[in-house]
């Protein structure tokens, strides 16, 4: 089953295969690293910080899915 979950006003999470695969879409950040703190991506002219932080989401994924 596929689901769509609003994360913030600007961001949606799309889950596929019962949550096995997830994608995040933010309408405002383009192809930048999603961060609520300044970083080299969002400090360029015309870019800005995101409304969510991708780092904890990715770390949680790796904590749940070990390679061994």
PDB file of N, CA and C in Angstrom:
ATOM      1  N   UNK A   1       0.844  -1.179   0.000  1.00  0.00           N
ATOM      2  CA  UNK A   1       0.000   0.000   0.000  1.00  0.00           C
ATOM      3  C   UNK A   1       0.891   1.245   0.000  1.00  0.00           C
ATOM      4  N   UNK A   2       0.547   2.221  -0.793  1.00  0.00           N
ATOM      5  CA  UNK A   2       1.273   3.477  -0.878  1.00  0.00           C
ATOM      6  C   UNK A   2       0.545   4.535  -0.053  1.00  0.00           C
ATOM      7  N   UNK A   3       1.312   5.368   0.659  1.00  0.00           N
ATOM      8  CA  UNK A   3       0.701   6.414   1.474  1.00  0.00           C
ATOM      9  C   UNK A   3       1.409   7.745   1.240  1.00  0.00           C
ATOM     10  N   UNK A   4       0.679   8.813   1.476  1.00  0.00           N
ATOM     11  CA  UNK A   4       1.209  10.169   1.409  1.00  0.00           C
ATOM     12  C   UNK A   4       0.976  10.808   2.773  1.00  0.00           C
ATOM     13  N   UNK A   5       2.054  11.310   3.384  1.00  0.00           N
ATOM     14  CA  UNK A   5       1.966  11.875   4.720  1.00  0.00           C
ATOM     15  C   UNK A   5       2.544  13.289   4.707  1.00  0.00           C
ATOM     16  N   UNK A   6       1.760  14.305   5.087  1.00  0.00           N
ATOM     17  CA  UNK A   6       2.325  15.643   5.193  1.00  0.00           C
ATOM     18  C   UNK A   6       3.320  15.693   6.361  1.00  0.00           C
ATOM     19  N   UNK A   7       4.523  16.232   6.119  1.00  0.00           N
ATOM     20  CA  UNK A   7       5.536  16.377   7.158  1.00  0.00           C
ATOM     21  C   UNK A   7       5.503  17.797   7.715  1.00  0.00           C
ATOM     22  N   UNK A   8       5.432  18.783   6.832  1.00  0.00           N
ATOM     23  CA  UNK A   8       5.268  20.194   7.192  1.00  0.00           C
ATOM     24  C   UNK A   8       4.336  20.801   6.154  1.00  0.00           C
ATOM     25  N   UNK A   9       4.107  22.096   6.230  1.00  0.00           N
ATOM     26  CA  UNK A   9       3.251  22.765   5.235  1.00  0.00           C
ATOM     27  C   UNK A   9       3.827  22.661   3.829  1.00  0.00           C
ATOM     28  N   UNK A  10       5.165  22.550   3.718  1.00  0.00           N
ATOM     29  CA  UNK A  10       5.824  22.532   2.415  1.00  0.00           C
ATOM     30  C   UNK A  10       6.339  21.159   1.995  1.00  0.00           C
ATOM     31  N   UNK A  11       6.235  20.161   2.868  1.00  0.00           N
ATOM     32  CA  UNK A  11       6.898  18.879   2.634  1.00  0.00           C
ATOM     33  C   UNK A  11       5.930  17.712   2.763  1.00  0.00           C
ATOM     34  N   UNK A  12       6.054  16.756   1.830  1.00  0.00           N
ATOM     35  CA  UNK A  12       5.232  15.556   1.836  1.00  0.00           C
ATOM     36  C   UNK A  12       6.151  14.341   1.782  1.00  0.00           C
ATOM     37  N   UNK A  13       5.810  13.306   2.557  1.00  0.00           N
ATOM     38  CA  UNK A  13       6.521  12.030   2.485  1.00  0.00           C
ATOM     39  C   UNK A  13       5.646  11.057   1.701  1.00  0.00           C
ATOM     40  N   UNK A  14       6.242  10.421   0.704  1.00  0.00           N
ATOM     41  CA  UNK A  14       5.565   9.384  -0.063  1.00  0.00           C
ATOM     42  C   UNK A  14       6.170   8.045   0.346  1.00  0.00           C
ATOM     43  N   UNK A  15       5.340   7.126   0.844  1.00  0.00           N
ATOM     44  CA  UNK A  15       5.815   5.789   1.220  1.00  0.00           C
ATOM     45  C   UNK A  15       5.269   4.773   0.231  1.00  0.00           C
ATOM     46  N   UNK A  16       6.143   3.854  -0.162  1.00  0.00           N
ATOM     47  CA  UNK A  16       5.780   2.810  -1.114  1.00  0.00           C
ATOM     48  C   UNK A  16       6.103   1.453  -0.509  1.00  0.00           C
ATOM     49  N   UNK A  17       5.324   0.440  -0.868  1.00  0.00           N
ATOM     50  CA  UNK A  17       5.593  -0.915  -0.403  1.00  0.00           C
ATOM     51  C   UNK A  17       5.476  -1.063   1.098  1.00  0.00           C
ATOM     52  N   UNK A  18       4.501  -0.386   1.699  1.00  0.00           N
ATOM     53  CA  UNK A  18       4.328  -0.487   3.136  1.00  0.00           C
ATOM     54  C   UNK A  18       5.426   0.201   3.925  1.00  0.00           C
ATOM     55  N   UNK A  19       6.060   1.201   3.366  1.00  0.00           N
ATOM     56  CA  UNK A  19       7.096   1.945   4.062  1.00  0.00           C
ATOM     57  C   UNK A  19       8.501   1.473   3.785  1.00  0.00           C
ATOM     58  N   UNK A  20       8.659   0.480   2.891  1.00  0.00           N
ATOM     59  CA  UNK A  20       9.994  -0.019   2.553  1.00  0.00           C
ATOM     60  C   UNK A  20      10.798   1.072   1.846  1.00  0.00           C
ATOM     61  N   UNK A  21      10.133   1.838   0.993  1.00  0.00           N
ATOM     62  CA  UNK A  21      10.774   2.936   0.267  1.00  0.00           C
ATOM     63  C   UNK A  21       9.999   4.214   0.575  1.00  0.00           C
ATOM     64  N   UNK A  22      10.730   5.283   0.853  1.00  0.00           N
ATOM     65  CA  UNK A  22      10.083   6.564   1.123  1.00  0.00           C
ATOM     66  C   UNK A  22      10.799   7.655   0.339  1.00  0.00           C
ATOM     67  N   UNK A  23      10.034   8.605  -0.135  1.00  0.00           N
ATOM     68  CA  UNK A  23      10.584   9.773  -0.808  1.00  0.00           C
ATOM     69  C   UNK A  23      10.000  11.020  -0.179  1.00  0.00           C
ATOM     70  N   UNK A  24      10.785  12.067  -0.147  1.00  0.00           N
ATOM     71  CA  UNK A  24      10.348  13.325   0.448  1.00  0.00           C
ATOM     72  C   UNK A  24      10.393  14.415  -0.607  1.00  0.00           C
ATOM     73  N   UNK A  25       9.340  15.236  -0.621  1.00  0.00           N
ATOM     74  CA  UNK A  25       9.281  16.336  -1.582  1.00  0.00           C
ATOM     75  C   UNK A  25       8.976  17.622  -0.826  1.00  0.00           C
ATOM     76  N   UNK A  26       9.844  18.609  -0.984  1.00  0.00           N
ATOM     77  CA  UNK A  26       9.649  19.936  -0.412  1.00  0.00           C
ATOM     78  C   UNK A  26       9.493  20.895  -1.581  1.00  0.00           C
ATOM     79  N   UNK A  27       8.419  21.644  -1.615  1.00  0.00           N
ATOM     80  CA  UNK A  27       8.106  22.495  -2.759  1.00  0.00           C
ATOM     81  C   UNK A  27       9.074  23.650  -2.944  1.00  0.00           C
ATOM     82  N   UNK A  28       9.855  23.982  -1.907  1.00  0.00           N
ATOM     83  CA  UNK A  28      10.658  25.189  -1.966  1.00  0.00           C
ATOM     84  C   UNK A  28      12.166  25.010  -2.027  1.00  0.00           C
ATOM     85  N   UNK A  29      12.713  23.837  -1.750  1.00  0.00           N
ATOM     86  CA  UNK A  29      14.167  23.781  -1.598  1.00  0.00           C
ATOM     87  C   UNK A  29      14.926  23.313  -2.825  1.00  0.00           C
ATOM     88  N   UNK A  30      14.257  22.787  -3.805  1.00  0.00           N
ATOM     89  CA  UNK A  30      14.967  22.319  -4.998  1.00  0.00           C
ATOM     90  C   UNK A  30      15.848  21.128  -4.684  1.00  0.00           C
ATOM     91  N   UNK A  31      17.018  21.069  -5.317  1.00  0.00           N
ATOM     92  CA  UNK A  31      17.919  19.931  -5.150  1.00  0.00           C
ATOM     93  C   UNK A  31      19.019  20.292  -4.147  1.00  0.00           C
ATOM     94  N   UNK A  32      18.606  20.572  -2.917  1.00  0.00           N
ATOM     95  CA  UNK A  32      19.506  20.904  -1.819  1.00  0.00           C
ATOM     96  C   UNK A  32      19.388  19.838  -0.743  1.00  0.00           C
ATOM     97  N   UNK A  33      20.393  19.806   0.170  1.00  0.00           N
ATOM     98  CA  UNK A  33      20.302  18.913   1.322  1.00  0.00           C
ATOM     99  C   UNK A  33      19.290  19.520   2.289  1.00  0.00           C
ATOM    100  N   UNK A  34      18.183  18.811   2.584  1.00  0.00           N
ATOM    101  CA  UNK A  34      17.152  19.354   3.465  1.00  0.00           C
ATOM    102  C   UNK A  34      17.671  19.499   4.893  1.00  0.00           C
ATOM    103  N   UNK A  35      17.771  20.729   5.345  1.00  0.00           N
ATOM    104  CA  UNK A  35      18.270  21.011   6.683  1.00  0.00           C
ATOM    105  C   UNK A  35      17.593  22.254   7.228  1.00  0.00           C
ATOM    106  N   UNK A  36      17.281  22.219   8.515  1.00  0.00           N
ATOM    107  CA  UNK A  36      16.708  23.390   9.171  1.00  0.00           C
ATOM    108  C   UNK A  36      17.801  24.346   9.655  1.00  0.00           C
ATOM    109  N   UNK A  37      19.063  23.950   9.464  1.00  0.00           N
ATOM    110  CA  UNK A  37      20.219  24.785   9.809  1.00  0.00           C
ATOM    111  C   UNK A  37      20.940  25.201   8.532  1.00  0.00           C
ATOM    112  N   UNK A  38      21.634  26.311   8.551  1.00  0.00           N
ATOM    113  CA  UNK A  38      22.399  26.728   7.374  1.00  0.00           C
ATOM    114  C   UNK A  38      23.441  25.676   6.981  1.00  0.00           C
ATOM    115  N   UNK A  39      23.582  25.441   5.683  1.00  0.00           N
ATOM    116  CA  UNK A  39      24.610  24.544   5.143  1.00  0.00           C
ATOM    117  C   UNK A  39      25.029  25.088   3.773  1.00  0.00           C
ATOM    118  N   UNK A  40      26.081  24.525   3.173  1.00  0.00           N
ATOM    119  CA  UNK A  40      26.550  25.065   1.883  1.00  0.00           C
ATOM    120  C   UNK A  40      25.479  25.072   0.784  1.00  0.00           C
ATOM    121  N   UNK A  41      24.543  24.115   0.801  1.00  0.00           N
ATOM    122  CA  UNK A  41      23.481  24.104  -0.213  1.00  0.00           C
ATOM    123  C   UNK A  41      22.523  25.273  -0.030  1.00  0.00           C
ATOM    124  N   UNK A  42      21.998  25.427   1.176  1.00  0.00           N
ATOM    125  CA  UNK A  42      20.927  26.407   1.363  1.00  0.00           C
ATOM    126  C   UNK A  42      21.414  27.836   1.589  1.00  0.00           C
ATOM    127  N   UNK A  43      22.708  28.060   1.575  1.00  0.00           N
ATOM    128  CA  UNK A  43      23.228  29.417   1.739  1.00  0.00           C
ATOM    129  C   UNK A  43      23.566  30.086   0.410  1.00  0.00           C
ATOM    130  N   UNK A  44      23.415  29.349  -0.704  1.00  0.00           N
ATOM    131  CA  UNK A  44      23.648  29.948  -2.012  1.00  0.00           C
ATOM    132  C   UNK A  44      22.523  30.924  -2.347  1.00  0.00           C
ATOM    133  N   UNK A  45      22.807  31.867  -3.194  1.00  0.00           N
ATOM    134  CA  UNK A  45      21.813  32.861  -3.592  1.00  0.00           C
ATOM    135  C   UNK A  45      20.572  32.170  -4.154  1.00  0.00           C
ATOM    136  N   UNK A  46      19.415  32.564  -3.671  1.00  0.00           N
ATOM    137  CA  UNK A  46      18.154  32.012  -4.136  1.00  0.00           C
ATOM    138  C   UNK A  46      17.733  30.741  -3.425  1.00  0.00           C
ATOM    139  N   UNK A  47      18.511  30.266  -2.457  1.00  0.00           N
ATOM    140  CA  UNK A  47      18.197  29.046  -1.714  1.00  0.00           C
ATOM    141  C   UNK A  47      17.929  29.408  -0.256  1.00  0.00           C
ATOM    142  N   UNK A  48      17.323  28.480   0.486  1.00  0.00           N
ATOM    143  CA  UNK A  48      17.021  28.741   1.892  1.00  0.00           C
ATOM    144  C   UNK A  48      16.938  27.432   2.659  1.00  0.00           C
ATOM    145  N   UNK A  49      16.883  27.534   3.984  1.00  0.00           N
ATOM    146  CA  UNK A  49      16.776  26.334   4.815  1.00  0.00           C
ATOM    147  C   UNK A  49      15.430  25.658   4.565  1.00  0.00           C
ATOM    148  N   UNK A  50      15.394  24.350   4.821  1.00  0.00           N
ATOM    149  CA  UNK A  50      14.177  23.559   4.627  1.00  0.00           C
ATOM    150  C   UNK A  50      13.310  23.606   5.885  1.00  0.00           C
ATOM    151  N   UNK A  51      12.105  23.088   5.768  1.00  0.00           N
ATOM    152  CA  UNK A  51      11.195  23.018   6.914  1.00  0.00           C
ATOM    153  C   UNK A  51      11.345  21.712   7.675  1.00  0.00           C
ATOM    154  N   UNK A  52      12.253  20.829   7.230  1.00  0.00           N
ATOM    155  CA  UNK A  52      12.541  19.583   7.947  1.00  0.00           C
ATOM    156  C   UNK A  52      14.015  19.265   7.757  1.00  0.00           C
ATOM    157  N   UNK A  53      14.519  18.365   8.593  1.00  0.00           N
ATOM    158  CA  UNK A  53      15.928  17.991   8.564  1.00  0.00           C
ATOM    159  C   UNK A  53      16.055  16.538   8.108  1.00  0.00           C
ATOM    160  N   UNK A  54      16.750  16.305   6.997  1.00  0.00           N
ATOM    161  CA  UNK A  54      16.882  14.961   6.428  1.00  0.00           C
ATOM    162  C   UNK A  54      17.831  14.060   7.209  1.00  0.00           C
ATOM    163  N   UNK A  55      18.805  14.629   7.893  1.00  0.00           N
ATOM    164  CA  UNK A  55      19.828  13.815   8.549  1.00  0.00           C
ATOM    165  C   UNK A  55      19.244  12.806   9.535  1.00  0.00           C
ATOM    166  N   UNK A  56      18.373  13.187  10.482  1.00  0.00           N
ATOM    167  CA  UNK A  56      17.835  12.177  11.395  1.00  0.00           C
ATOM    168  C   UNK A  56      16.986  11.116  10.692  1.00  0.00           C
ATOM    169  N   UNK A  57      16.322  11.489   9.618  1.00  0.00           N
ATOM    170  CA  UNK A  57      15.506  10.519   8.872  1.00  0.00           C
ATOM    171  C   UNK A  57      16.411   9.457   8.253  1.00  0.00           C
ATOM    172  N   UNK A  58      17.512   9.874   7.658  1.00  0.00           N
ATOM    173  CA  UNK A  58      18.438   8.938   7.015  1.00  0.00           C
ATOM    174  C   UNK A  58      19.153   8.085   8.060  1.00  0.00           C
ATOM    175  N   UNK A  59      19.580   8.696   9.157  1.00  0.00           N
ATOM    176  CA  UNK A  59      20.237   7.919  10.215  1.00  0.00           C
ATOM    177  C   UNK A  59      19.294   6.885  10.808  1.00  0.00           C
ATOM    178  N   UNK A  60      18.037   7.228  10.979  1.00  0.00           N
ATOM    179  CA  UNK A  60      17.048   6.268  11.475  1.00  0.00           C
ATOM    180  C   UNK A  60      16.903   5.098  10.510  1.00  0.00           C
ATOM    181  N   UNK A  61      16.885   5.375   9.202  1.00  0.00           N
ATOM    182  CA  UNK A  61      16.802   4.309   8.205  1.00  0.00           C
ATOM    183  C   UNK A  61      17.972   3.338   8.357  1.00  0.00           C
ATOM    184  N   UNK A  62      19.195   3.873   8.441  1.00  0.00           N
ATOM    185  CA  UNK A  62      20.368   3.010   8.558  1.00  0.00           C
ATOM    186  C   UNK A  62      20.390   2.251   9.885  1.00  0.00           C
ATOM    187  N   UNK A  63      19.865   2.836  10.941  1.00  0.00           N
ATOM    188  CA  UNK A  63      19.776   2.120  12.219  1.00  0.00           C
ATOM    189  C   UNK A  63      18.807   0.948  12.145  1.00  0.00           C
ATOM    190  N   UNK A  64      17.788   1.055  11.330  1.00  0.00           N
ATOM    191  CA  UNK A  64      16.778  -0.013  11.191  1.00  0.00           C
ATOM    192  C   UNK A  64      17.205  -1.083  10.192  1.00  0.00           C
ATOM    193  N   UNK A  65      18.135  -0.786   9.285  1.00  0.00           N
ATOM    194  CA  UNK A  65      18.508  -1.706   8.210  1.00  0.00           C
ATOM    195  C   UNK A  65      20.030  -1.882   8.161  1.00  0.00           C
ATOM    196  N   UNK A  66      20.530  -2.810   8.948  1.00  0.00           N
ATOM    197  CA  UNK A  66      21.979  -3.031   8.949  1.00  0.00           C
ATOM    198  C   UNK A  66      22.396  -3.841   7.730  1.00  0.00           C
ATOM    199  N   UNK A  67      23.658  -3.748   7.373  1.00  0.00           N
ATOM    200  CA  UNK A  67      24.193  -4.496   6.237  1.00  0.00           C
ATOM    201  C   UNK A  67      24.629  -5.911   6.606  1.00  0.00           C
ATOM    202  N   UNK A  68      24.723  -6.197   7.864  1.00  0.00           N
ATOM    203  CA  UNK A  68      25.186  -7.540   8.262  1.00  0.00           C
ATOM    204  C   UNK A  68      24.054  -8.493   8.498  1.00  0.00           C
TER     205      UNK A  68
END
